Amino acid sequence: MNQKQKVIILIFLIFLLCEFSYSQRYKGNDLVKDMKEYEKHERGEEYSRLSVGEFFGYVIGITSAYDEVFFSTPSDSTNGQLCAVVEKYLNENPEKWNESALNLVTDALKKAFPKKK
């Protein structure tokens, strides 16, 4: 393995560590707070752009990272549809809001789009 390959692997490992660290700090209650702002945005009400971006970005990021690992989203699914799936799951399961955001998003997507065998 040459020096360039070692550097690339090191950068990749640091990236994974950062992603894991962030996903553990972002809790379910944080996700729900941001989702509530996303719902305001959908209704055309005044909303926090930062919170909407956080919710949207987190859902799409988790989908991109874990699609075909834990769930299988249809190739024609839209970002809005993926957010709606998570939104519905969160609204139907308030008893789970204390769990990690990562678990909530992956559980919602697994339920809606089970992994193909």
C-alpha atoms as a PDB file:
ATOM      1  CA  MET A   1       0.000   0.000   0.000  1.00  0.00           C
ATOM      2  CA  ASN A   2       1.493   3.334  -1.005  1.00  0.00           C
ATOM      3  CA  GLN A   3       1.442   6.554   0.996  1.00  0.00           C
ATOM      4  CA  LYS A   4      -1.433   8.070  -0.976  1.00  0.00           C
ATOM      5  CA  GLN A   5      -3.650   5.039  -0.313  1.00  0.00           C
ATOM      6  CA  LYS A   6      -2.834   5.199   3.406  1.00  0.00           C
ATOM      7  CA  VAL A   7      -3.816   8.872   3.525  1.00  0.00           C
ATOM      8  CA  ILE A   8      -7.091   8.177   1.734  1.00  0.00           C
ATOM      9  CA  ILE A   9      -7.922   5.359   4.143  1.00  0.00           C
ATOM     10  CA  LEU A  10      -7.059   7.559   7.117  1.00  0.00           C
ATOM     11  CA  ILE A  11      -9.292  10.384   5.834  1.00  0.00           C
ATOM     12  CA  PHE A  12     -12.107   7.909   5.254  1.00  0.00           C
ATOM     13  CA  LEU A  13     -11.773   6.507   8.787  1.00  0.00           C
ATOM     14  CA  ILE A  14     -11.807  10.016  10.271  1.00  0.00           C
ATOM     15  CA  PHE A  15     -14.927  10.811   8.235  1.00  0.00           C
ATOM     16  CA  LEU A  16     -16.667   7.675   9.517  1.00  0.00           C
ATOM     17  CA  LEU A  17     -15.729   8.505  13.097  1.00  0.00           C
ATOM     18  CA  CYS A  18     -17.085  12.046  12.724  1.00  0.00           C
ATOM     19  CA  GLU A  19     -20.311  10.790  11.170  1.00  0.00           C
ATOM     20  CA  PHE A  20     -20.780   8.219  13.942  1.00  0.00           C
ATOM     21  CA  SER A  21     -20.050  10.814  16.614  1.00  0.00           C
ATOM     22  CA  TYR A  22     -22.574  13.275  15.157  1.00  0.00           C
ATOM     23  CA  SER A  23     -25.232  10.618  14.685  1.00  0.00           C
ATOM     24  CA  GLN A  24     -24.902   9.693  18.361  1.00  0.00           C
ATOM     25  CA  ARG A  25     -25.166  13.321  19.555  1.00  0.00           C
ATOM     26  CA  TYR A  26     -28.235  14.082  17.435  1.00  0.00           C
ATOM     27  CA  LYS A  27     -30.997  12.553  19.519  1.00  0.00           C
ATOM     28  CA  GLY A  28     -34.542  11.627  18.656  1.00  0.00           C
ATOM     29  CA  ASN A  29     -35.956  14.632  20.473  1.00  0.00           C
ATOM     30  CA  ASP A  30     -33.679  16.875  18.381  1.00  0.00           C
ATOM     31  CA  LEU A  31     -34.943  15.184  15.229  1.00  0.00           C
ATOM     32  CA  VAL A  32     -38.561  15.677  16.325  1.00  0.00           C
ATOM     33  CA  LYS A  33     -37.961  19.373  17.068  1.00  0.00           C
ATOM     34  CA  ASP A  34     -36.539  19.816  13.578  1.00  0.00           C
ATOM     35  CA  MET A  35     -39.365  17.750  12.087  1.00  0.00           C
ATOM     36  CA  LYS A  36     -41.927  20.096  13.650  1.00  0.00           C
ATOM     37  CA  GLU A  37     -40.277  22.978  11.782  1.00  0.00           C
ATOM     38  CA  TYR A  38     -40.310  20.868   8.595  1.00  0.00           C
ATOM     39  CA  GLU A  39     -44.066  20.395   9.080  1.00  0.00           C
ATOM     40  CA  LYS A  40     -44.510  24.170   9.426  1.00  0.00           C
ATOM     41  CA  HIS A  41     -42.589  24.584   6.158  1.00  0.00           C
ATOM     42  CA  GLU A  42     -44.887  22.070   4.449  1.00  0.00           C
ATOM     43  CA  ARG A  43     -47.963  23.992   5.662  1.00  0.00           C
ATOM     44  CA  GLY A  44     -46.546  27.291   4.411  1.00  0.00           C
ATOM     45  CA  GLU A  45     -46.121  28.729   7.894  1.00  0.00           C
ATOM     46  CA  GLU A  46     -43.120  30.614   9.233  1.00  0.00           C
ATOM     47  CA  TYR A  47     -40.346  28.144  10.064  1.00  0.00           C
ATOM     48  CA  SER A  48     -36.688  27.850  11.005  1.00  0.00           C
ATOM     49  CA  ARG A  49     -34.655  27.248   7.849  1.00  0.00           C
ATOM     50  CA  LEU A  50     -31.838  25.778   9.908  1.00  0.00           C
ATOM     51  CA  SER A  51     -34.137  23.199  11.534  1.00  0.00           C
ATOM     52  CA  VAL A  52     -35.768  22.280   8.232  1.00  0.00           C
ATOM     53  CA  GLY A  53     -32.348  21.817   6.658  1.00  0.00           C
ATOM     54  CA  GLU A  54     -31.198  19.738   9.623  1.00  0.00           C
ATOM     55  CA  PHE A  55     -34.196  17.392   9.376  1.00  0.00           C
ATOM     56  CA  PHE A  56     -34.078  17.116   5.588  1.00  0.00           C
ATOM     57  CA  GLY A  57     -30.309  16.697   5.487  1.00  0.00           C
ATOM     58  CA  TYR A  58     -30.239  14.124   8.259  1.00  0.00           C
ATOM     59  CA  VAL A  59     -32.954  11.958   6.688  1.00  0.00           C
ATOM     60  CA  ILE A  60     -31.387  12.107   3.233  1.00  0.00           C
ATOM     61  CA  GLY A  61     -27.887  11.566   4.639  1.00  0.00           C
ATOM     62  CA  ILE A  62     -28.947   8.469   6.571  1.00  0.00           C
ATOM     63  CA  THR A  63     -30.817   7.205   3.523  1.00  0.00           C
ATOM     64  CA  SER A  64     -27.746   7.669   1.338  1.00  0.00           C
ATOM     65  CA  ALA A  65     -25.433   6.036   3.866  1.00  0.00           C
ATOM     66  CA  TYR A  66     -27.554   3.023   4.778  1.00  0.00           C
ATOM     67  CA  ASP A  67     -29.726   2.264   1.734  1.00  0.00           C
ATOM     68  CA  GLU A  68     -29.292  -1.399   0.765  1.00  0.00           C
ATOM     69  CA  VAL A  69     -27.694  -2.032   4.180  1.00  0.00           C
ATOM     70  CA  PHE A  70     -30.759  -1.833   6.452  1.00  0.00           C
ATOM     71  CA  PHE A  71     -33.531  -1.035   3.964  1.00  0.00           C
ATOM     72  CA  SER A  72     -34.127  -0.804   0.218  1.00  0.00           C
ATOM     73  CA  THR A  73     -35.688   2.427  -0.992  1.00  0.00           C
ATOM     74  CA  PRO A  74     -37.307   2.342  -4.436  1.00  0.00           C
ATOM     75  CA  SER A  75     -35.157   3.901  -7.130  1.00  0.00           C
ATOM     76  CA  ASP A  76     -37.930   6.371  -7.957  1.00  0.00           C
ATOM     77  CA  SER A  77     -38.516   7.535  -4.367  1.00  0.00           C
ATOM     78  CA  THR A  78     -38.158  11.271  -3.822  1.00  0.00           C
ATOM     79  CA  ASN A  79     -36.467  13.105  -0.991  1.00  0.00           C
ATOM     80  CA  GLY A  80     -39.857  14.466   0.022  1.00  0.00           C
ATOM     81  CA  GLN A  81     -41.279  10.953   0.187  1.00  0.00           C
ATOM     82  CA  LEU A  82     -38.405   9.769   2.385  1.00  0.00           C
ATOM     83  CA  CYS A  83     -38.925  12.701   4.749  1.00  0.00           C
ATOM     84  CA  ALA A  84     -42.687  11.992   4.805  1.00  0.00           C
ATOM     85  CA  VAL A  85     -42.029   8.365   5.784  1.00  0.00           C
ATOM     86  CA  VAL A  86     -39.843   9.456   8.703  1.00  0.00           C
ATOM     87  CA  GLU A  87     -42.297  12.202   9.660  1.00  0.00           C
ATOM     88  CA  LYS A  88     -45.194   9.703   9.758  1.00  0.00           C
ATOM     89  CA  TYR A  89     -43.169   7.225  11.823  1.00  0.00           C
ATOM     90  CA  LEU A  90     -42.167   9.869  14.354  1.00  0.00           C
ATOM     91  CA  ASN A  91     -45.720  11.156  14.719  1.00  0.00           C
ATOM     92  CA  GLU A  92     -47.027   7.612  15.249  1.00  0.00           C
ATOM     93  CA  ASN A  93     -44.324   6.623  17.779  1.00  0.00           C
ATOM     94  CA  PRO A  94     -43.795   9.406  20.341  1.00  0.00           C
ATOM     95  CA  GLU A  95     -42.752   6.832  22.930  1.00  0.00           C
ATOM     96  CA  LYS A  96     -39.549   6.292  20.921  1.00  0.00           C
ATOM     97  CA  TRP A  97     -38.469   9.952  20.715  1.00  0.00           C
ATOM     98  CA  ASN A  98     -35.841   9.386  23.428  1.00  0.00           C
ATOM     99  CA  GLU A  99     -33.954   6.952  21.165  1.00  0.00           C
ATOM    100  CA  SER A 100     -31.137   8.009  18.873  1.00  0.00           C
ATOM    101  CA  ALA A 101     -32.091   9.857  15.711  1.00  0.00           C
ATOM    102  CA  LEU A 102     -30.128   7.294  13.717  1.00  0.00           C
ATOM    103  CA  ASN A 103     -32.255   4.444  15.088  1.00  0.00           C
ATOM    104  CA  LEU A 104     -35.495   6.324  14.490  1.00  0.00           C
ATOM    105  CA  VAL A 105     -34.726   7.143  10.871  1.00  0.00           C
ATOM    106  CA  THR A 106     -33.452   3.658  10.044  1.00  0.00           C
ATOM    107  CA  ASP A 107     -36.446   2.043  11.812  1.00  0.00           C
ATOM    108  CA  ALA A 108     -38.870   4.232   9.857  1.00  0.00           C
ATOM    109  CA  LEU A 109     -37.225   3.411   6.554  1.00  0.00           C
ATOM    110  CA  LYS A 110     -36.915  -0.318   7.373  1.00  0.00           C
ATOM    111  CA  LYS A 111     -40.624  -0.427   8.150  1.00  0.00           C
ATOM    112  CA  ALA A 112     -41.586   1.346   4.919  1.00  0.00           C
ATOM    113  CA  PHE A 113     -38.956  -0.196   2.658  1.00  0.00           C
ATOM    114  CA  PRO A 114     -37.807  -3.615   3.939  1.00  0.00           C
ATOM    115  CA  LYS A 115     -34.437  -4.804   2.704  1.00  0.00           C
ATOM    116  CA  LYS A 116     -34.671  -6.889  -0.443  1.00  0.00           C
ATOM    117  CA  LYS A 117     -33.176 -10.334  -0.166  1.00  0.00           C
END
